[in-house]
Amino acid sequence: MKRNNSGRVILAHITIGLQLAITILLFVYGGYRLDLYYEKSPIFLLIGTALGMCLGFYHLMKELNNENDKSNIDQEEEKKRIKWN
């Protein structure tokens, strides 16, 4: 049972990292495209990068907190099972 739980945790952390990277890249690309459209040099690129990092890290912390809560609940349930067996 521990093996299945650890696989779930590893997969959750991998997807969280990918979501962070994709969020940042999308905002950087959007800022780059706005720079090209409005012919401004790095203004929108910097804004897009900062926004992407803020939103990405906010989502990262939120998801890691949810995973931590899930693992705490799983540990409490495991303790209850061990106690009654």
PDB file of N, CA and C in Angstrom:
ATOM      1  N   MET A   1       0.818  -1.195   0.000  1.00  0.00           N
ATOM      2  CA  MET A   1       0.000   0.000   0.000  1.00  0.00           C
ATOM      3  C   MET A   1       0.863   1.261   0.000  1.00  0.00           C
ATOM      4  N   LYS A   2       1.981   1.240   0.675  1.00  0.00           N
ATOM      5  CA  LYS A   2       2.878   2.392   0.689  1.00  0.00           C
ATOM      6  C   LYS A   2       3.390   2.694  -0.708  1.00  0.00           C
ATOM      7  N   ARG A   3       3.659   1.639  -1.479  1.00  0.00           N
ATOM      8  CA  ARG A   3       4.208   1.825  -2.819  1.00  0.00           C
ATOM      9  C   ARG A   3       3.232   2.580  -3.715  1.00  0.00           C
ATOM     10  N   ASN A   4       1.968   2.236  -3.652  1.00  0.00           N
ATOM     11  CA  ASN A   4       0.943   2.910  -4.444  1.00  0.00           C
ATOM     12  C   ASN A   4       0.830   4.378  -4.034  1.00  0.00           C
ATOM     13  N   ASN A   5       0.894   4.641  -2.746  1.00  0.00           N
ATOM     14  CA  ASN A   5       0.792   6.003  -2.239  1.00  0.00           C
ATOM     15  C   ASN A   5       1.987   6.838  -2.691  1.00  0.00           C
ATOM     16  N   SER A   6       3.179   6.268  -2.661  1.00  0.00           N
ATOM     17  CA  SER A   6       4.356   7.029  -3.071  1.00  0.00           C
ATOM     18  C   SER A   6       4.326   7.311  -4.577  1.00  0.00           C
ATOM     19  N   GLY A   7       3.797   6.400  -5.360  1.00  0.00           N
ATOM     20  CA  GLY A   7       3.655   6.629  -6.796  1.00  0.00           C
ATOM     21  C   GLY A   7       2.714   7.774  -7.089  1.00  0.00           C
ATOM     22  N   ARG A   8       1.653   7.862  -6.323  1.00  0.00           N
ATOM     23  CA  ARG A   8       0.685   8.954  -6.485  1.00  0.00           C
ATOM     24  C   ARG A   8       1.329  10.290  -6.139  1.00  0.00           C
ATOM     25  N   VAL A   9       2.120  10.300  -5.094  1.00  0.00           N
ATOM     26  CA  VAL A   9       2.782  11.538  -4.669  1.00  0.00           C
ATOM     27  C   VAL A   9       3.804  11.979  -5.707  1.00  0.00           C
ATOM     28  N   ILE A  10       4.580  11.043  -6.235  1.00  0.00           N
ATOM     29  CA  ILE A  10       5.581  11.384  -7.246  1.00  0.00           C
ATOM     30  C   ILE A  10       4.911  11.937  -8.493  1.00  0.00           C
ATOM     31  N   LEU A  11       3.853  11.300  -8.949  1.00  0.00           N
ATOM     32  CA  LEU A  11       3.130  11.776 -10.128  1.00  0.00           C
ATOM     33  C   LEU A  11       2.527  13.160  -9.885  1.00  0.00           C
ATOM     34  N   ALA A  12       2.005  13.392  -8.691  1.00  0.00           N
ATOM     35  CA  ALA A  12       1.423  14.698  -8.376  1.00  0.00           C
ATOM     36  C   ALA A  12       2.490  15.789  -8.412  1.00  0.00           C
ATOM     37  N   HIS A  13       3.672  15.503  -7.886  1.00  0.00           N
ATOM     38  CA  HIS A  13       4.742  16.505  -7.885  1.00  0.00           C
ATOM     39  C   HIS A  13       5.266  16.766  -9.300  1.00  0.00           C
ATOM     40  N   ILE A  14       5.316  15.746 -10.121  1.00  0.00           N
ATOM     41  CA  ILE A  14       5.755  15.944 -11.507  1.00  0.00           C
ATOM     42  C   ILE A  14       4.766  16.831 -12.254  1.00  0.00           C
ATOM     43  N   THR A  15       3.485  16.573 -12.092  1.00  0.00           N
ATOM     44  CA  THR A  15       2.492  17.379 -12.800  1.00  0.00           C
ATOM     45  C   THR A  15       2.460  18.811 -12.273  1.00  0.00           C
ATOM     46  N   ILE A  16       2.691  18.984 -10.975  1.00  0.00           N
ATOM     47  CA  ILE A  16       2.725  20.334 -10.412  1.00  0.00           C
ATOM     48  C   ILE A  16       3.894  21.111 -11.011  1.00  0.00           C
ATOM     49  N   GLY A  17       5.046  20.470 -11.142  1.00  0.00           N
ATOM     50  CA  GLY A  17       6.209  21.125 -11.744  1.00  0.00           C
ATOM     51  C   GLY A  17       5.975  21.481 -13.198  1.00  0.00           C
ATOM     52  N   LEU A  18       5.326  20.594 -13.927  1.00  0.00           N
ATOM     53  CA  LEU A  18       5.015  20.884 -15.330  1.00  0.00           C
ATOM     54  C   LEU A  18       4.034  22.041 -15.457  1.00  0.00           C
ATOM     55  N   GLN A  19       3.060  22.090 -14.571  1.00  0.00           N
ATOM     56  CA  GLN A  19       2.104  23.196 -14.603  1.00  0.00           C
ATOM     57  C   GLN A  19       2.806  24.526 -14.335  1.00  0.00           C
ATOM     58  N   LEU A  20       3.762  24.522 -13.402  1.00  0.00           N
ATOM     59  CA  LEU A  20       4.521  25.732 -13.115  1.00  0.00           C
ATOM     60  C   LEU A  20       5.295  26.182 -14.351  1.00  0.00           C
ATOM     61  N   ALA A  21       5.991  25.258 -14.986  1.00  0.00           N
ATOM     62  CA  ALA A  21       6.790  25.594 -16.164  1.00  0.00           C
ATOM     63  C   ALA A  21       5.917  26.079 -17.317  1.00  0.00           C
ATOM     64  N   ILE A  22       4.811  25.419 -17.552  1.00  0.00           N
ATOM     65  CA  ILE A  22       3.923  25.798 -18.653  1.00  0.00           C
ATOM     66  C   ILE A  22       3.305  27.174 -18.397  1.00  0.00           C
ATOM     67  N   THR A  23       2.911  27.445 -17.164  1.00  0.00           N
ATOM     68  CA  THR A  23       2.336  28.749 -16.836  1.00  0.00           C
ATOM     69  C   THR A  23       3.336  29.866 -17.105  1.00  0.00           C
ATOM     70  N   ILE A  24       4.563  29.694 -16.636  1.00  0.00           N
ATOM     71  CA  ILE A  24       5.587  30.722 -16.836  1.00  0.00           C
ATOM     72  C   ILE A  24       5.874  30.899 -18.326  1.00  0.00           C
ATOM     73  N   LEU A  25       6.015  29.796 -19.046  1.00  0.00           N
ATOM     74  CA  LEU A  25       6.317  29.888 -20.472  1.00  0.00           C
ATOM     75  C   LEU A  25       5.201  30.566 -21.264  1.00  0.00           C
ATOM     76  N   LEU A  26       3.959  30.284 -20.926  1.00  0.00           N
ATOM     77  CA  LEU A  26       2.844  30.918 -21.625  1.00  0.00           C
ATOM     78  C   LEU A  26       2.837  32.431 -21.409  1.00  0.00           C
ATOM     79  N   PHE A  27       3.087  32.868 -20.195  1.00  0.00           N
ATOM     80  CA  PHE A  27       3.097  34.303 -19.931  1.00  0.00           C
ATOM     81  C   PHE A  27       4.309  34.978 -20.557  1.00  0.00           C
ATOM     82  N   VAL A  28       5.454  34.303 -20.564  1.00  0.00           N
ATOM     83  CA  VAL A  28       6.629  34.860 -21.223  1.00  0.00           C
ATOM     84  C   VAL A  28       6.371  34.997 -22.719  1.00  0.00           C
ATOM     85  N   TYR A  29       5.804  33.965 -23.329  1.00  0.00           N
ATOM     86  CA  TYR A  29       5.497  34.020 -24.758  1.00  0.00           C
ATOM     87  C   TYR A  29       4.470  35.111 -25.060  1.00  0.00           C
ATOM     88  N   GLY A  30       3.454  35.220 -24.208  1.00  0.00           N
ATOM     89  CA  GLY A  30       2.459  36.280 -24.404  1.00  0.00           C
ATOM     90  C   GLY A  30       3.080  37.664 -24.313  1.00  0.00           C
ATOM     91  N   GLY A  31       3.981  37.859 -23.362  1.00  0.00           N
ATOM     92  CA  GLY A  31       4.677  39.138 -23.244  1.00  0.00           C
ATOM     93  C   GLY A  31       5.554  39.412 -24.448  1.00  0.00           C
ATOM     94  N   TYR A  32       6.209  38.381 -24.945  1.00  0.00           N
ATOM     95  CA  TYR A  32       7.051  38.526 -26.138  1.00  0.00           C
ATOM     96  C   TYR A  32       6.216  38.930 -27.342  1.00  0.00           C
ATOM     97  N   ARG A  33       5.072  38.267 -27.519  1.00  0.00           N
ATOM     98  CA  ARG A  33       4.217  38.596 -28.657  1.00  0.00           C
ATOM     99  C   ARG A  33       3.652  40.018 -28.540  1.00  0.00           C
ATOM    100  N   LEU A  34       3.314  40.449 -27.332  1.00  0.00           N
ATOM    101  CA  LEU A  34       2.840  41.823 -27.141  1.00  0.00           C
ATOM    102  C   LEU A  34       3.946  42.826 -27.432  1.00  0.00           C
ATOM    103  N   ASP A  35       5.184  42.491 -27.064  1.00  0.00           N
ATOM    104  CA  ASP A  35       6.318  43.362 -27.395  1.00  0.00           C
ATOM    105  C   ASP A  35       6.470  43.520 -28.901  1.00  0.00           C
ATOM    106  N   LEU A  36       6.311  42.433 -29.635  1.00  0.00           N
ATOM    107  CA  LEU A  36       6.409  42.509 -31.093  1.00  0.00           C
ATOM    108  C   LEU A  36       5.265  43.323 -31.688  1.00  0.00           C
ATOM    109  N   TYR A  37       4.071  43.135 -31.158  1.00  0.00           N
ATOM    110  CA  TYR A  37       2.895  43.811 -31.702  1.00  0.00           C
ATOM    111  C   TYR A  37       2.958  45.315 -31.454  1.00  0.00           C
ATOM    112  N   TYR A  38       3.296  45.719 -30.235  1.00  0.00           N
ATOM    113  CA  TYR A  38       3.328  47.135 -29.890  1.00  0.00           C
ATOM    114  C   TYR A  38       4.700  47.775 -30.091  1.00  0.00           C
ATOM    115  N   GLU A  39       5.657  46.998 -30.549  1.00  0.00           N
ATOM    116  CA  GLU A  39       7.023  47.446 -30.806  1.00  0.00           C
ATOM    117  C   GLU A  39       7.660  48.099 -29.578  1.00  0.00           C
ATOM    118  N   LYS A  40       7.441  47.461 -28.455  1.00  0.00           N
ATOM    119  CA  LYS A  40       8.098  47.870 -27.214  1.00  0.00           C
ATOM    120  C   LYS A  40       9.171  46.831 -26.937  1.00  0.00           C
ATOM    121  N   SER A  41      10.264  47.254 -26.362  1.00  0.00           N
ATOM    122  CA  SER A  41      11.374  46.314 -26.249  1.00  0.00           C
ATOM    123  C   SER A  41      11.143  45.253 -25.174  1.00  0.00           C
ATOM    124  N   PRO A  42      11.502  45.417 -23.920  1.00  0.00           N
ATOM    125  CA  PRO A  42      11.266  44.283 -23.013  1.00  0.00           C
ATOM    126  C   PRO A  42      10.142  44.512 -22.012  1.00  0.00           C
ATOM    127  N   ILE A  43       9.318  45.531 -22.212  1.00  0.00           N
ATOM    128  CA  ILE A  43       8.320  45.897 -21.203  1.00  0.00           C
ATOM    129  C   ILE A  43       7.324  44.769 -20.957  1.00  0.00           C
ATOM    130  N   PHE A  44       6.639  44.332 -21.998  1.00  0.00           N
ATOM    131  CA  PHE A  44       5.619  43.301 -21.828  1.00  0.00           C
ATOM    132  C   PHE A  44       6.238  41.943 -21.511  1.00  0.00           C
ATOM    133  N   LEU A  45       7.431  41.702 -21.990  1.00  0.00           N
ATOM    134  CA  LEU A  45       8.126  40.461 -21.661  1.00  0.00           C
ATOM    135  C   LEU A  45       8.394  40.398 -20.163  1.00  0.00           C
ATOM    136  N   LEU A  46       8.850  41.490 -19.583  1.00  0.00           N
ATOM    137  CA  LEU A  46       9.106  41.529 -18.141  1.00  0.00           C
ATOM    138  C   LEU A  46       7.813  41.406 -17.340  1.00  0.00           C
ATOM    139  N   ILE A  47       6.773  42.091 -17.799  1.00  0.00           N
ATOM    140  CA  ILE A  47       5.478  42.000 -17.114  1.00  0.00           C
ATOM    141  C   ILE A  47       4.932  40.583 -17.200  1.00  0.00           C
ATOM    142  N   GLY A  48       5.007  39.984 -18.375  1.00  0.00           N
ATOM    143  CA  GLY A  48       4.537  38.609 -18.551  1.00  0.00           C
ATOM    144  C   GLY A  48       5.327  37.625 -17.707  1.00  0.00           C
ATOM    145  N   THR A  49       6.635  37.811 -17.634  1.00  0.00           N
ATOM    146  CA  THR A  49       7.467  36.929 -16.820  1.00  0.00           C
ATOM    147  C   THR A  49       7.107  37.045 -15.343  1.00  0.00           C
ATOM    148  N   ALA A  50       6.974  38.283 -14.863  1.00  0.00           N
ATOM    149  CA  ALA A  50       6.628  38.491 -13.452  1.00  0.00           C
ATOM    150  C   ALA A  50       5.246  37.929 -13.134  1.00  0.00           C
ATOM    151  N   LEU A  51       4.286  38.189 -14.013  1.00  0.00           N
ATOM    152  CA  LEU A  51       2.932  37.669 -13.796  1.00  0.00           C
ATOM    153  C   LEU A  51       2.901  36.141 -13.831  1.00  0.00           C
ATOM    154  N   GLY A  52       3.591  35.562 -14.799  1.00  0.00           N
ATOM    155  CA  GLY A  52       3.638  34.105 -14.898  1.00  0.00           C
ATOM    156  C   GLY A  52       4.287  33.469 -13.683  1.00  0.00           C
ATOM    157  N   MET A  53       5.352  34.083 -13.191  1.00  0.00           N
ATOM    158  CA  MET A  53       6.010  33.535 -12.011  1.00  0.00           C
ATOM    159  C   MET A  53       5.121  33.657 -10.779  1.00  0.00           C
ATOM    160  N   CYS A  54       4.463  34.801 -10.624  1.00  0.00           N
ATOM    161  CA  CYS A  54       3.583  34.982  -9.466  1.00  0.00           C
ATOM    162  C   CYS A  54       2.428  33.980  -9.485  1.00  0.00           C
ATOM    163  N   LEU A  55       1.758  33.890 -10.610  1.00  0.00           N
ATOM    164  CA  LEU A  55       0.630  32.957 -10.709  1.00  0.00           C
ATOM    165  C   LEU A  55       1.088  31.506 -10.616  1.00  0.00           C
ATOM    166  N   GLY A  56       2.215  31.200 -11.244  1.00  0.00           N
ATOM    167  CA  GLY A  56       2.735  29.841 -11.197  1.00  0.00           C
ATOM    168  C   GLY A  56       3.126  29.416  -9.797  1.00  0.00           C
ATOM    169  N   PHE A  57       3.827  30.285  -9.080  1.00  0.00           N
ATOM    170  CA  PHE A  57       4.234  29.940  -7.720  1.00  0.00           C
ATOM    171  C   PHE A  57       3.052  29.921  -6.756  1.00  0.00           C
ATOM    172  N   TYR A  58       2.066  30.787  -6.993  1.00  0.00           N
ATOM    173  CA  TYR A  58       0.858  30.733  -6.175  1.00  0.00           C
ATOM    174  C   TYR A  58       0.167  29.379  -6.338  1.00  0.00           C
ATOM    175  N   HIS A  59       0.021  28.959  -7.581  1.00  0.00           N
ATOM    176  CA  HIS A  59      -0.610  27.669  -7.850  1.00  0.00           C
ATOM    177  C   HIS A  59       0.230  26.526  -7.292  1.00  0.00           C
ATOM    178  N   LEU A  60       1.557  26.635  -7.400  1.00  0.00           N
ATOM    179  CA  LEU A  60       2.454  25.615  -6.860  1.00  0.00           C
ATOM    180  C   LEU A  60       2.267  25.469  -5.359  1.00  0.00           C
ATOM    181  N   MET A  61       2.263  26.567  -4.635  1.00  0.00           N
ATOM    182  CA  MET A  61       2.092  26.504  -3.181  1.00  0.00           C
ATOM    183  C   MET A  61       0.722  25.953  -2.797  1.00  0.00           C
ATOM    184  N   LYS A  62      -0.295  26.347  -3.543  1.00  0.00           N
ATOM    185  CA  LYS A  62      -1.646  25.862  -3.275  1.00  0.00           C
ATOM    186  C   LYS A  62      -1.735  24.349  -3.478  1.00  0.00           C
ATOM    187  N   GLU A  63      -1.177  23.851  -4.565  1.00  0.00           N
ATOM    188  CA  GLU A  63      -1.219  22.419  -4.851  1.00  0.00           C
ATOM    189  C   GLU A  63      -0.361  21.614  -3.871  1.00  0.00           C
ATOM    190  N   LEU A  64       0.807  22.125  -3.516  1.00  0.00           N
ATOM    191  CA  LEU A  64       1.654  21.424  -2.549  1.00  0.00           C
ATOM    192  C   LEU A  64       0.985  21.377  -1.178  1.00  0.00           C
ATOM    193  N   ASN A  65       0.288  22.428  -0.816  1.00  0.00           N
ATOM    194  CA  ASN A  65      -0.444  22.434   0.442  1.00  0.00           C
ATOM    195  C   ASN A  65      -1.564  21.395   0.412  1.00  0.00           C
ATOM    196  N   ASN A  66      -2.273  21.297  -0.719  1.00  0.00           N
ATOM    197  CA  ASN A  66      -3.324  20.276  -0.850  1.00  0.00           C
ATOM    198  C   ASN A  66      -2.744  18.876  -0.767  1.00  0.00           C
ATOM    199  N   GLU A  67      -1.604  18.645  -1.408  1.00  0.00           N
ATOM    200  CA  GLU A  67      -0.966  17.327  -1.353  1.00  0.00           C
ATOM    201  C   GLU A  67      -0.512  17.004   0.067  1.00  0.00           C
ATOM    202  N   ASN A  68      -0.012  18.019   0.768  1.00  0.00           N
ATOM    203  CA  ASN A  68       0.415  17.815   2.145  1.00  0.00           C
ATOM    204  C   ASN A  68      -0.779  17.444   3.022  1.00  0.00           C
ATOM    205  N   ASP A  69      -1.907  18.119   2.824  1.00  0.00           N
ATOM    206  CA  ASP A  69      -3.115  17.805   3.580  1.00  0.00           C
ATOM    207  C   ASP A  69      -3.588  16.385   3.280  1.00  0.00           C
ATOM    208  N   LYS A  70      -3.529  15.984   2.009  1.00  0.00           N
ATOM    209  CA  LYS A  70      -3.932  14.627   1.638  1.00  0.00           C
ATOM    210  C   LYS A  70      -3.034  13.589   2.280  1.00  0.00           C
ATOM    211  N   SER A  71      -1.733  13.839   2.310  1.00  0.00           N
ATOM    212  CA  SER A  71      -0.820  12.861   2.906  1.00  0.00           C
ATOM    213  C   SER A  71      -1.014  12.796   4.410  1.00  0.00           C
ATOM    214  N   ASN A  72      -1.335  13.919   5.057  1.00  0.00           N
ATOM    215  CA  ASN A  72      -1.607  13.902   6.492  1.00  0.00           C
ATOM    216  C   ASN A  72      -2.857  13.097   6.800  1.00  0.00           C
ATOM    217  N   ILE A  73      -3.880  13.253   5.972  1.00  0.00           N
ATOM    218  CA  ILE A  73      -5.115  12.480   6.164  1.00  0.00           C
ATOM    219  C   ILE A  73      -4.841  10.996   5.953  1.00  0.00           C
ATOM    220  N   ASP A  74      -4.045  10.665   4.924  1.00  0.00           N
ATOM    221  CA  ASP A  74      -3.695   9.266   4.672  1.00  0.00           C
ATOM    222  C   ASP A  74      -2.926   8.674   5.841  1.00  0.00           C
ATOM    223  N   GLN A  75      -2.020   9.437   6.435  1.00  0.00           N
ATOM    224  CA  GLN A  75      -1.248   8.946   7.576  1.00  0.00           C
ATOM    225  C   GLN A  75      -2.142   8.724   8.785  1.00  0.00           C
ATOM    226  N   GLU A  76      -3.104   9.618   9.011  1.00  0.00           N
ATOM    227  CA  GLU A  76      -4.026   9.448  10.127  1.00  0.00           C
ATOM    228  C   GLU A  76      -4.892   8.206   9.931  1.00  0.00           C
ATOM    229  N   GLU A  77      -5.358   7.973   8.710  1.00  0.00           N
ATOM    230  CA  GLU A  77      -6.159   6.783   8.433  1.00  0.00           C
ATOM    231  C   GLU A  77      -5.333   5.518   8.620  1.00  0.00           C
ATOM    232  N   GLU A  78      -4.076   5.557   8.233  1.00  0.00           N
ATOM    233  CA  GLU A  78      -3.195   4.402   8.399  1.00  0.00           C
ATOM    234  C   GLU A  78      -2.977   4.110   9.884  1.00  0.00           C
ATOM    235  N   LYS A  79      -2.824   5.140  10.690  1.00  0.00           N
ATOM    236  CA  LYS A  79      -2.644   4.949  12.134  1.00  0.00           C
ATOM    237  C   LYS A  79      -3.890   4.327  12.745  1.00  0.00           C
ATOM    238  N   LYS A  80      -5.069   4.767  12.280  1.00  0.00           N
ATOM    239  CA  LYS A  80      -6.315   4.202  12.799  1.00  0.00           C
ATOM    240  C   LYS A  80      -6.431   2.731  12.426  1.00  0.00           C
ATOM    241  N   ARG A  81      -6.059   2.372  11.198  1.00  0.00           N
ATOM    242  CA  ARG A  81      -6.113   0.985  10.768  1.00  0.00           C
ATOM    243  C   ARG A  81      -5.158   0.116  11.581  1.00  0.00           C
ATOM    244  N   ILE A  82      -3.977   0.615  11.824  1.00  0.00           N
ATOM    245  CA  ILE A  82      -2.982  -0.144  12.586  1.00  0.00           C
ATOM    246  C   ILE A  82      -3.473  -0.312  14.025  1.00  0.00           C
ATOM    247  N   LYS A  83      -4.075   0.706  14.565  1.00  0.00           N
ATOM    248  CA  LYS A  83      -4.551   0.668  15.943  1.00  0.00           C
ATOM    249  C   LYS A  83      -5.635  -0.379  16.128  1.00  0.00           C
ATOM    250  N   TRP A  84      -6.551  -0.518  15.176  1.00  0.00           N
ATOM    251  CA  TRP A  84      -7.682  -1.421  15.326  1.00  0.00           C
ATOM    252  C   TRP A  84      -7.400  -2.828  14.815  1.00  0.00           C
ATOM    253  N   ASN A  85      -6.310  -3.029  14.117  1.00  0.00           N
ATOM    254  CA  ASN A  85      -6.002  -4.381  13.616  1.00  0.00           C
ATOM    255  C   ASN A  85      -5.380  -5.234  14.655  1.00  0.00           C
TER     256      ASN A  85
END
